[in-house]
């Protein structure tokens, strides 16, 4: 990684990355966007979950790809792990302090991730 990329990455705080993830979801018309702040929970696997849903597997994949593309180009940041791209029912993008969950609507209703972490501080974002 060159010096310019390192400097740019350091300028992005976790909150700025979260905002960019949320904008990336809104770009592709993701729905029911929530940010779960898990920092005050002792057993939390990360600091934030960002959760959204889509109407089709194609839209799930498009949202995931848009998040990855924008974070790469605008923040010089790559997901450390991506899971679920093949079936595109639930794609999980791990950015260490933030994990983005892009669900097909039926899978989100089944897993109820936000209910599993009901002690989190929840911020809801408008679907565009």
N, C-alpha and C. Protein backbone atom coordinates (compact mmCIF):
# COMPACT_ATOMS: atom_id res chain seq x y z
N UNK A 1 0.85 -1.18 0.00
CA UNK A 1 0.00 0.00 0.00
C UNK A 1 0.90 1.24 0.00
N UNK A 2 0.64 2.18 -0.90
CA UNK A 2 1.48 3.37 -0.98
C UNK A 2 1.13 4.37 0.13
N UNK A 3 1.95 5.38 0.29
CA UNK A 3 1.79 6.36 1.37
C UNK A 3 0.47 7.12 1.26
N UNK A 4 0.07 7.47 0.02
CA UNK A 4 -1.18 8.21 -0.17
C UNK A 4 -2.38 7.37 0.29
N UNK A 5 -2.39 6.09 -0.05
CA UNK A 5 -3.48 5.21 0.35
C UNK A 5 -3.51 5.05 1.87
N UNK A 6 -2.34 4.93 2.50
CA UNK A 6 -2.28 4.83 3.96
C UNK A 6 -2.83 6.08 4.61
N UNK A 7 -2.45 7.24 4.10
CA UNK A 7 -2.93 8.51 4.66
C UNK A 7 -4.43 8.63 4.51
N UNK A 8 -4.96 8.24 3.34
CA UNK A 8 -6.39 8.32 3.11
C UNK A 8 -7.14 7.38 4.04
N UNK A 9 -6.63 6.17 4.25
CA UNK A 9 -7.29 5.20 5.11
C UNK A 9 -7.32 5.71 6.55
N UNK A 10 -6.26 6.36 7.01
CA UNK A 10 -6.21 6.86 8.37
C UNK A 10 -7.20 8.00 8.59
N UNK A 11 -7.56 8.72 7.53
CA UNK A 11 -8.49 9.83 7.66
C UNK A 11 -9.92 9.35 7.91
N UNK A 12 -10.23 8.14 7.53
CA UNK A 12 -11.58 7.61 7.70
C UNK A 12 -11.72 6.98 9.08
N UNK A 13 -12.59 7.56 9.88
CA UNK A 13 -12.90 6.97 11.18
C UNK A 13 -13.92 5.86 10.97
N UNK A 14 -14.17 5.11 12.02
CA UNK A 14 -15.19 4.07 11.94
C UNK A 14 -16.54 4.67 11.60
N UNK A 15 -16.85 5.81 12.19
CA UNK A 15 -18.13 6.46 11.89
C UNK A 15 -18.22 6.88 10.43
N UNK A 16 -17.12 7.37 9.86
CA UNK A 16 -17.11 7.76 8.45
C UNK A 16 -17.29 6.54 7.55
N UNK A 17 -16.65 5.43 7.91
CA UNK A 17 -16.83 4.19 7.15
C UNK A 17 -18.27 3.69 7.25
N UNK A 18 -18.85 3.79 8.45
CA UNK A 18 -20.24 3.39 8.62
C UNK A 18 -21.15 4.23 7.74
N UNK A 19 -20.91 5.53 7.71
CA UNK A 19 -21.72 6.43 6.87
C UNK A 19 -21.59 6.07 5.40
N UNK A 20 -20.39 5.71 4.97
CA UNK A 20 -20.16 5.33 3.58
C UNK A 20 -20.86 4.00 3.26
N UNK A 21 -20.85 3.07 4.19
CA UNK A 21 -21.57 1.81 4.00
C UNK A 21 -23.07 2.08 3.85
N UNK A 22 -23.60 2.92 4.71
CA UNK A 22 -25.04 3.24 4.66
C UNK A 22 -25.39 3.94 3.35
N UNK A 23 -24.57 4.88 2.92
CA UNK A 23 -24.81 5.55 1.63
C UNK A 23 -24.76 4.54 0.49
N UNK A 24 -23.84 3.59 0.56
CA UNK A 24 -23.71 2.57 -0.48
C UNK A 24 -24.95 1.69 -0.56
N UNK A 25 -25.54 1.42 0.59
CA UNK A 25 -26.79 0.65 0.63
C UNK A 25 -27.92 1.46 0.01
N UNK A 26 -28.00 2.73 0.39
CA UNK A 26 -29.05 3.60 -0.12
C UNK A 26 -28.93 3.81 -1.63
N UNK A 27 -27.70 3.81 -2.16
CA UNK A 27 -27.49 3.94 -3.61
C UNK A 27 -28.28 2.89 -4.40
N UNK A 28 -28.37 1.69 -3.84
CA UNK A 28 -28.97 0.55 -4.54
C UNK A 28 -30.36 0.25 -3.97
N UNK A 29 -30.90 1.21 -3.23
CA UNK A 29 -32.27 1.12 -2.71
C UNK A 29 -32.48 0.00 -1.70
N UNK A 30 -31.46 -0.23 -0.86
CA UNK A 30 -31.62 -1.18 0.24
C UNK A 30 -32.68 -0.66 1.20
N UNK A 31 -33.34 -1.57 1.89
CA UNK A 31 -34.47 -1.21 2.76
C UNK A 31 -34.18 -1.55 4.21
N UNK A 32 -34.96 -0.91 5.09
CA UNK A 32 -34.92 -1.17 6.53
C UNK A 32 -33.48 -1.22 7.05
N UNK A 33 -32.77 -0.12 6.87
CA UNK A 33 -31.36 -0.03 7.23
C UNK A 33 -31.25 0.30 8.72
N UNK A 34 -30.50 -0.51 9.43
CA UNK A 34 -30.25 -0.29 10.86
C UNK A 34 -28.76 -0.34 11.13
N UNK A 35 -28.33 0.51 12.05
CA UNK A 35 -26.96 0.41 12.58
C UNK A 35 -27.10 0.02 14.04
N UNK A 36 -26.49 -1.09 14.40
CA UNK A 36 -26.50 -1.57 15.77
C UNK A 36 -25.16 -1.26 16.41
N UNK A 37 -25.18 -0.44 17.43
CA UNK A 37 -23.96 -0.08 18.16
C UNK A 37 -23.78 -1.10 19.28
N UNK A 38 -22.77 -1.93 19.14
CA UNK A 38 -22.53 -3.03 20.08
C UNK A 38 -21.38 -2.74 21.05
N UNK A 39 -20.84 -1.54 20.99
CA UNK A 39 -19.61 -1.25 21.77
C UNK A 39 -19.78 -1.42 23.26
N UNK A 40 -20.97 -1.24 23.79
CA UNK A 40 -21.17 -1.35 25.24
C UNK A 40 -21.49 -2.77 25.70
N UNK A 41 -21.55 -3.71 24.76
CA UNK A 41 -21.86 -5.10 25.10
C UNK A 41 -20.57 -5.90 25.24
N UNK A 42 -20.44 -6.63 26.32
CA UNK A 42 -19.21 -7.37 26.61
C UNK A 42 -18.93 -8.50 25.63
N UNK A 43 -19.96 -9.17 25.15
CA UNK A 43 -19.76 -10.35 24.31
C UNK A 43 -19.90 -10.07 22.82
N UNK A 44 -19.88 -8.81 22.43
CA UNK A 44 -20.08 -8.45 21.02
C UNK A 44 -18.87 -8.83 20.17
N UNK A 45 -19.11 -9.37 18.97
CA UNK A 45 -18.01 -9.76 18.10
C UNK A 45 -17.35 -8.60 17.36
N UNK A 46 -17.99 -7.44 17.37
CA UNK A 46 -17.49 -6.25 16.67
C UNK A 46 -18.11 -5.02 17.31
N UNK A 47 -17.75 -3.84 16.83
CA UNK A 47 -18.32 -2.60 17.39
C UNK A 47 -19.68 -2.26 16.80
N UNK A 48 -19.86 -2.52 15.50
CA UNK A 48 -21.11 -2.16 14.82
C UNK A 48 -21.55 -3.26 13.87
N UNK A 49 -22.85 -3.45 13.80
CA UNK A 49 -23.49 -4.19 12.72
C UNK A 49 -24.29 -3.17 11.92
N UNK A 50 -24.21 -3.25 10.62
CA UNK A 50 -25.12 -2.50 9.76
C UNK A 50 -25.92 -3.55 9.01
N UNK A 51 -27.24 -3.47 9.12
CA UNK A 51 -28.12 -4.49 8.59
C UNK A 51 -29.10 -3.84 7.61
N UNK A 52 -29.30 -4.50 6.48
CA UNK A 52 -30.30 -4.03 5.53
C UNK A 52 -30.91 -5.22 4.82
N UNK A 53 -31.92 -4.95 4.02
CA UNK A 53 -32.54 -6.03 3.25
C UNK A 53 -32.79 -5.56 1.83
N UNK A 54 -33.01 -6.55 0.97
CA UNK A 54 -33.27 -6.31 -0.44
C UNK A 54 -34.40 -7.24 -0.89
N UNK A 55 -35.01 -6.90 -2.02
CA UNK A 55 -36.15 -7.66 -2.52
C UNK A 55 -35.77 -8.89 -3.34
N UNK A 56 -34.52 -8.96 -3.80
CA UNK A 56 -34.10 -10.08 -4.65
C UNK A 56 -32.64 -10.41 -4.39
N UNK A 57 -32.23 -11.59 -4.81
CA UNK A 57 -30.83 -11.99 -4.67
C UNK A 57 -29.94 -11.09 -5.51
N UNK A 58 -30.44 -10.66 -6.66
CA UNK A 58 -29.69 -9.76 -7.53
C UNK A 58 -29.42 -8.44 -6.81
N UNK A 59 -30.41 -7.92 -6.10
CA UNK A 59 -30.23 -6.67 -5.37
C UNK A 59 -29.30 -6.86 -4.17
N UNK A 60 -29.40 -8.01 -3.50
CA UNK A 60 -28.48 -8.31 -2.39
C UNK A 60 -27.04 -8.24 -2.90
N UNK A 61 -26.78 -8.89 -4.01
CA UNK A 61 -25.43 -8.91 -4.59
C UNK A 61 -25.01 -7.52 -5.03
N UNK A 62 -25.91 -6.76 -5.64
CA UNK A 62 -25.58 -5.40 -6.09
C UNK A 62 -25.24 -4.48 -4.92
N UNK A 63 -25.96 -4.59 -3.82
CA UNK A 63 -25.66 -3.78 -2.64
C UNK A 63 -24.28 -4.14 -2.10
N UNK A 64 -24.02 -5.43 -1.97
CA UNK A 64 -22.72 -5.90 -1.49
C UNK A 64 -21.58 -5.38 -2.37
N UNK A 65 -21.76 -5.52 -3.66
CA UNK A 65 -20.72 -5.06 -4.60
C UNK A 65 -20.52 -3.55 -4.52
N UNK A 66 -21.60 -2.80 -4.33
CA UNK A 66 -21.48 -1.35 -4.23
C UNK A 66 -20.75 -0.94 -2.95
N UNK A 67 -21.04 -1.62 -1.86
CA UNK A 67 -20.32 -1.34 -0.60
C UNK A 67 -18.82 -1.57 -0.81
N UNK A 68 -18.48 -2.72 -1.37
CA UNK A 68 -17.07 -3.06 -1.57
C UNK A 68 -16.38 -2.07 -2.51
N UNK A 69 -17.06 -1.71 -3.60
CA UNK A 69 -16.49 -0.79 -4.57
C UNK A 69 -16.26 0.60 -3.98
N UNK A 70 -17.26 1.12 -3.27
CA UNK A 70 -17.12 2.47 -2.72
C UNK A 70 -16.08 2.53 -1.61
N UNK A 71 -16.03 1.51 -0.74
CA UNK A 71 -15.03 1.52 0.32
C UNK A 71 -13.63 1.37 -0.25
N UNK A 72 -13.50 0.61 -1.31
CA UNK A 72 -12.19 0.46 -1.95
C UNK A 72 -11.73 1.78 -2.56
N UNK A 73 -12.61 2.42 -3.33
CA UNK A 73 -12.22 3.63 -4.06
C UNK A 73 -12.19 4.89 -3.20
N UNK A 74 -13.11 5.00 -2.25
CA UNK A 74 -13.22 6.23 -1.47
C UNK A 74 -12.50 6.18 -0.13
N UNK A 75 -12.25 4.98 0.38
CA UNK A 75 -11.60 4.88 1.69
C UNK A 75 -10.39 3.96 1.68
N UNK A 76 -10.04 3.43 0.53
CA UNK A 76 -8.92 2.49 0.41
C UNK A 76 -9.01 1.38 1.45
N UNK A 77 -10.22 0.87 1.62
CA UNK A 77 -10.49 -0.14 2.63
C UNK A 77 -11.13 -1.36 1.97
N UNK A 78 -10.67 -2.53 2.37
CA UNK A 78 -11.18 -3.78 1.83
C UNK A 78 -11.76 -4.60 2.97
N UNK A 79 -12.79 -5.36 2.67
CA UNK A 79 -13.36 -6.28 3.66
C UNK A 79 -12.33 -7.36 3.97
N UNK A 80 -12.17 -7.67 5.25
CA UNK A 80 -11.23 -8.73 5.62
C UNK A 80 -11.81 -10.10 5.28
N UNK A 81 -13.14 -10.17 5.21
CA UNK A 81 -13.80 -11.43 4.86
C UNK A 81 -15.18 -11.12 4.29
N UNK A 82 -15.55 -11.85 3.25
CA UNK A 82 -16.88 -11.74 2.65
C UNK A 82 -17.46 -13.15 2.58
N UNK A 83 -18.68 -13.29 3.04
CA UNK A 83 -19.33 -14.60 3.07
C UNK A 83 -20.71 -14.50 2.43
N UNK A 84 -21.09 -15.52 1.66
CA UNK A 84 -22.45 -15.63 1.14
C UNK A 84 -22.68 -15.09 -0.25
N UNK A 85 -21.62 -14.73 -0.96
CA UNK A 85 -21.80 -14.13 -2.29
C UNK A 85 -22.40 -15.10 -3.31
N UNK A 86 -22.08 -16.35 -3.19
CA UNK A 86 -22.53 -17.31 -4.21
C UNK A 86 -24.06 -17.40 -4.26
N UNK A 87 -24.71 -17.64 -3.13
CA UNK A 87 -26.17 -17.77 -3.11
C UNK A 87 -26.86 -16.41 -3.03
N UNK A 88 -26.21 -15.44 -2.41
CA UNK A 88 -26.72 -14.07 -2.28
C UNK A 88 -28.06 -14.00 -1.56
N UNK A 89 -28.24 -14.85 -0.54
CA UNK A 89 -29.41 -14.73 0.33
C UNK A 89 -29.07 -13.84 1.52
N UNK A 90 -27.80 -13.91 1.94
CA UNK A 90 -27.31 -13.13 3.08
C UNK A 90 -25.81 -12.98 2.85
N UNK A 91 -25.39 -11.77 2.55
CA UNK A 91 -23.97 -11.52 2.36
C UNK A 91 -23.46 -10.74 3.55
N UNK A 92 -22.38 -11.23 4.11
CA UNK A 92 -21.76 -10.64 5.30
C UNK A 92 -20.40 -10.07 4.89
N UNK A 93 -20.19 -8.79 5.16
CA UNK A 93 -18.94 -8.10 4.83
C UNK A 93 -18.27 -7.66 6.13
N UNK A 94 -17.10 -8.18 6.41
CA UNK A 94 -16.40 -7.89 7.67
C UNK A 94 -15.34 -6.82 7.44
N UNK A 95 -15.58 -5.65 8.03
CA UNK A 95 -14.61 -4.55 7.99
C UNK A 95 -14.00 -4.32 9.38
N UNK A 96 -13.84 -5.34 10.15
CA UNK A 96 -13.24 -5.42 11.47
C UNK A 96 -14.08 -4.72 12.53
N UNK A 97 -14.14 -3.39 12.56
CA UNK A 97 -14.95 -2.68 13.56
C UNK A 97 -16.43 -2.67 13.18
N UNK A 98 -16.71 -2.90 11.91
CA UNK A 98 -18.08 -2.91 11.41
C UNK A 98 -18.29 -4.13 10.53
N UNK A 99 -19.41 -4.80 10.74
CA UNK A 99 -19.80 -5.91 9.89
C UNK A 99 -21.13 -5.54 9.25
N UNK A 100 -21.15 -5.54 7.92
CA UNK A 100 -22.37 -5.23 7.18
C UNK A 100 -23.06 -6.53 6.79
N UNK A 101 -24.36 -6.59 7.04
CA UNK A 101 -25.18 -7.76 6.72
C UNK A 101 -26.22 -7.32 5.70
N UNK A 102 -26.14 -7.90 4.50
CA UNK A 102 -27.09 -7.58 3.44
C UNK A 102 -27.95 -8.83 3.24
N UNK A 103 -29.22 -8.72 3.61
CA UNK A 103 -30.13 -9.85 3.61
C UNK A 103 -31.15 -9.77 2.47
N UNK A 104 -31.55 -10.93 1.96
CA UNK A 104 -32.80 -11.03 1.22
C UNK A 104 -33.88 -10.93 2.30
N UNK A 105 -34.99 -10.29 1.99
CA UNK A 105 -36.03 -10.01 2.99
C UNK A 105 -36.46 -11.24 3.78
N UNK A 106 -36.67 -12.37 3.10
CA UNK A 106 -37.11 -13.59 3.79
C UNK A 106 -36.07 -14.10 4.78
N UNK A 107 -34.79 -14.01 4.42
CA UNK A 107 -33.72 -14.47 5.32
C UNK A 107 -33.62 -13.57 6.54
N UNK A 108 -33.79 -12.29 6.34
CA UNK A 108 -33.73 -11.36 7.48
C UNK A 108 -34.85 -11.67 8.46
N UNK A 109 -36.04 -11.91 7.95
CA UNK A 109 -37.17 -12.25 8.82
C UNK A 109 -36.91 -13.55 9.58
N UNK A 110 -36.26 -14.51 8.93
CA UNK A 110 -35.98 -15.79 9.56
C UNK A 110 -34.94 -15.67 10.67
N UNK A 111 -33.83 -14.99 10.40
CA UNK A 111 -32.73 -14.92 11.36
C UNK A 111 -32.92 -13.87 12.44
N UNK A 112 -33.67 -12.82 12.16
CA UNK A 112 -33.96 -11.77 13.14
C UNK A 112 -32.70 -11.32 13.90
N UNK A 113 -31.68 -10.98 13.15
CA UNK A 113 -30.39 -10.61 13.73
C UNK A 113 -30.51 -9.47 14.73
N UNK A 114 -31.32 -8.47 14.40
CA UNK A 114 -31.46 -7.34 15.32
C UNK A 114 -32.12 -7.73 16.64
N UNK A 115 -32.94 -8.79 16.64
CA UNK A 115 -33.52 -9.28 17.88
C UNK A 115 -32.50 -10.05 18.72
N UNK A 116 -31.56 -10.72 18.05
CA UNK A 116 -30.50 -11.42 18.78
C UNK A 116 -29.62 -10.44 19.55
N UNK A 117 -29.47 -9.23 19.00
CA UNK A 117 -28.66 -8.19 19.63
C UNK A 117 -29.55 -7.04 20.08
N UNK A 118 -30.65 -7.37 20.75
CA UNK A 118 -31.65 -6.37 21.13
C UNK A 118 -31.14 -5.37 22.17
N UNK A 119 -30.03 -5.66 22.83
CA UNK A 119 -29.45 -4.72 23.80
C UNK A 119 -28.61 -3.64 23.12
N UNK A 120 -28.42 -3.76 21.82
CA UNK A 120 -27.61 -2.78 21.09
C UNK A 120 -28.37 -1.46 20.98
N UNK A 121 -27.60 -0.39 20.82
CA UNK A 121 -28.19 0.91 20.54
C UNK A 121 -28.47 0.95 19.04
N UNK A 122 -29.72 1.18 18.68
CA UNK A 122 -30.15 1.06 17.27
C UNK A 122 -30.39 2.44 16.67
N UNK A 123 -29.84 2.64 15.49
CA UNK A 123 -30.13 3.82 14.69
C UNK A 123 -30.74 3.35 13.38
N UNK A 124 -31.91 3.91 13.07
CA UNK A 124 -32.60 3.54 11.83
C UNK A 124 -32.35 4.61 10.78
N UNK A 125 -32.15 4.16 9.54
CA UNK A 125 -31.87 5.06 8.43
C UNK A 125 -32.97 4.94 7.39
N UNK A 126 -33.20 6.04 6.72
CA UNK A 126 -34.25 6.10 5.72
C UNK A 126 -33.86 5.31 4.48
N UNK A 127 -34.83 4.57 3.97
CA UNK A 127 -34.65 3.91 2.68
C UNK A 127 -34.97 4.92 1.61
N UNK A 128 -34.12 5.01 0.60
CA UNK A 128 -34.36 5.99 -0.46
C UNK A 128 -35.11 5.40 -1.63
